[in-house]
Amino acid sequence: MTEQQGAQQGAATRQGGKDKPLDFAAWLAQYRRGSLAAELSDKMADLLLAVEETGKKGSISLTITVDPKSNDGIVEVSNAVAVKKPQLPRPAGHYWLDGDGGLADSPKDQTALEFGGAR
C-alpha cells in the first residue's frame, strides 16, 4: 500500500467528523502501513492449523492502547497481539527414584536379566 492510498483510507475513516464512528477495519488496514493486519492474518492462519491438528480451542487477542500525549488532541496508538495455541498432549514417563537424587529406569533392588544373542 502506498502512502497516498493509506492517507486516502485514513481520510475515509474520518469522513463525517464526529457524526460518523471510526471504521475500525479500514483503520486497521492502514495502521502501520498494514503490517499489523498482515501479522494478525499470519498468526490467525497458524492458530487455525494448530486447532485443526489438536482438535482443541485456541485464541488470538489484539489489544489497542490509546495514550493521550497532549492537550492538542494528539494520541499515541500502540498494540499487542497475544496468541494461545492449543498444544498436543506430551507423553509422561515413569521412573524410580535411585536414592541419590536421580532417576532410574528400573527399581534399584531389581536384578537385570542377561540375554544372550539369537541362537
Protein backbone atom coordinates (compact mmCIF):
# COMPACT_ATOMS: atom_id res chain seq x y z
CA MET A 1 0.00 0.00 0.00
CA THR A 2 1.39 3.40 -0.94
CA GLU A 3 1.40 6.33 1.47
CA GLN A 4 -1.17 8.06 -0.72
CA GLN A 5 -3.50 5.04 -0.53
CA GLY A 6 -3.00 4.91 3.23
CA ALA A 7 -3.78 8.63 3.52
CA GLN A 8 -6.91 8.17 1.41
CA GLN A 9 -8.05 5.26 3.59
CA GLY A 10 -7.24 7.25 6.72
CA ALA A 11 -9.28 10.17 5.42
CA ALA A 12 -12.14 7.78 4.65
CA THR A 13 -12.20 6.66 8.30
CA ARG A 14 -12.68 10.29 9.39
CA GLN A 15 -15.40 11.34 6.90
CA GLY A 16 -18.35 12.88 8.66
CA GLY A 17 -16.28 14.05 11.61
CA LYS A 18 -17.87 13.36 15.00
CA ASP A 19 -21.15 12.23 13.41
CA LYS A 20 -19.67 9.07 11.92
CA PRO A 21 -17.85 6.48 14.04
CA LEU A 22 -14.40 5.29 13.10
CA ASP A 23 -14.38 2.50 10.50
CA PHE A 24 -12.13 0.18 12.51
CA ALA A 25 -11.49 -2.31 9.69
CA ALA A 26 -10.31 0.49 7.39
CA TRP A 27 -8.17 1.97 10.16
CA LEU A 28 -6.61 -1.43 10.93
CA ALA A 29 -5.80 -1.97 7.25
CA GLN A 30 -3.81 1.29 7.09
CA TYR A 31 -2.31 1.28 10.62
CA ARG A 32 1.48 0.99 10.36
CA ARG A 33 1.09 0.58 6.60
CA GLY A 34 -0.87 -2.64 7.02
CA SER A 35 1.82 -4.50 8.94
CA LEU A 36 -0.43 -5.20 11.94
CA ALA A 37 -3.23 -6.55 9.74
CA ALA A 38 -0.69 -8.78 7.95
CA GLU A 39 0.70 -10.01 11.29
CA LEU A 40 -2.81 -10.82 12.52
CA SER A 41 -3.55 -12.73 9.32
CA ASP A 42 -0.38 -14.81 9.67
CA LYS A 43 -0.98 -15.55 13.34
CA MET A 44 -4.61 -16.46 12.68
CA ALA A 45 -3.52 -18.94 9.99
CA ASP A 46 -1.03 -20.53 12.43
CA LEU A 47 -3.72 -20.71 15.11
CA LEU A 48 -6.19 -22.39 12.74
CA LEU A 49 -3.61 -25.02 11.80
CA ALA A 50 -2.91 -25.75 15.48
CA VAL A 51 -6.65 -26.03 16.24
CA GLU A 52 -7.10 -28.39 13.30
CA GLU A 53 -4.10 -30.50 14.37
CA THR A 54 -5.06 -30.80 18.04
CA GLY A 55 -8.85 -30.61 17.92
CA LYS A 56 -8.60 -28.16 20.83
CA LYS A 57 -9.52 -24.49 21.14
CA GLY A 58 -7.12 -21.59 20.86
CA SER A 59 -7.40 -17.82 20.85
CA ILE A 60 -5.91 -14.66 19.42
CA SER A 61 -6.23 -11.29 21.14
CA LEU A 62 -5.50 -7.80 19.87
CA THR A 63 -5.07 -5.03 22.42
CA ILE A 64 -5.10 -1.45 21.17
CA THR A 65 -3.85 1.15 23.65
CA VAL A 66 -4.62 4.84 23.11
CA ASP A 67 -2.46 7.17 25.19
CA PRO A 68 -3.11 10.93 25.17
CA LYS A 69 0.12 12.85 24.56
CA SER A 70 -1.04 16.46 24.67
CA ASN A 71 -3.99 18.76 25.16
CA ASP A 72 -3.98 19.33 21.39
CA GLY A 73 -5.75 16.04 20.66
CA ILE A 74 -2.59 14.05 19.89
CA VAL A 75 -2.69 10.40 20.96
CA GLU A 76 -0.22 7.55 20.68
CA VAL A 77 -1.74 4.29 19.48
CA SER A 78 0.13 1.09 20.29
CA ASN A 79 -0.79 -2.56 20.06
CA ALA A 80 -0.11 -6.01 21.43
CA VAL A 81 -1.01 -9.35 19.87
CA ALA A 82 -1.30 -12.48 22.01
CA VAL A 83 -1.88 -15.98 20.64
CA LYS A 84 -2.73 -19.03 22.74
CA LYS A 85 -2.21 -22.08 20.55
CA PRO A 86 -3.55 -25.41 21.69
CA GLN A 87 -0.86 -27.98 22.42
CA LEU A 88 -0.78 -31.69 21.75
CA PRO A 89 -0.52 -33.74 24.94
CA ARG A 90 3.05 -34.62 25.84
CA PRO A 91 3.62 -38.22 26.95
CA ALA A 92 4.77 -38.80 30.53
CA GLY A 93 7.47 -41.25 31.58
CA HIS A 94 7.64 -43.41 34.70
CA TYR A 95 10.86 -43.76 36.68
CA TRP A 96 12.08 -44.88 40.07
CA LEU A 97 13.99 -42.73 42.50
CA ASP A 98 17.53 -44.06 42.79
CA GLY A 99 18.18 -42.83 46.34
CA ASP A 100 20.98 -40.49 45.19
CA GLY A 101 18.80 -37.67 43.87
CA GLY A 102 18.42 -39.18 40.41
CA LEU A 103 16.01 -41.24 38.34
CA ALA A 104 16.35 -44.86 37.25
CA ASP A 105 14.59 -46.93 34.56
CA SER A 106 14.08 -49.81 36.99
CA PRO A 107 13.94 -50.32 40.76
CA LYS A 108 17.37 -50.42 42.39
CA ASP A 109 16.65 -53.79 44.03
CA GLN A 110 15.70 -55.47 40.73
CA THR A 111 18.32 -57.73 39.16
CA ALA A 112 18.94 -57.11 35.49
CA LEU A 113 18.34 -60.11 33.26
CA GLU A 114 21.13 -61.04 30.88
CA PHE A 115 20.02 -62.23 27.48
CA GLY A 116 22.31 -64.00 25.07
CA GLY A 117 22.22 -63.38 21.37
CA ALA A 118 19.85 -65.13 18.99
CA ARG A 119 20.52 -68.86 18.54
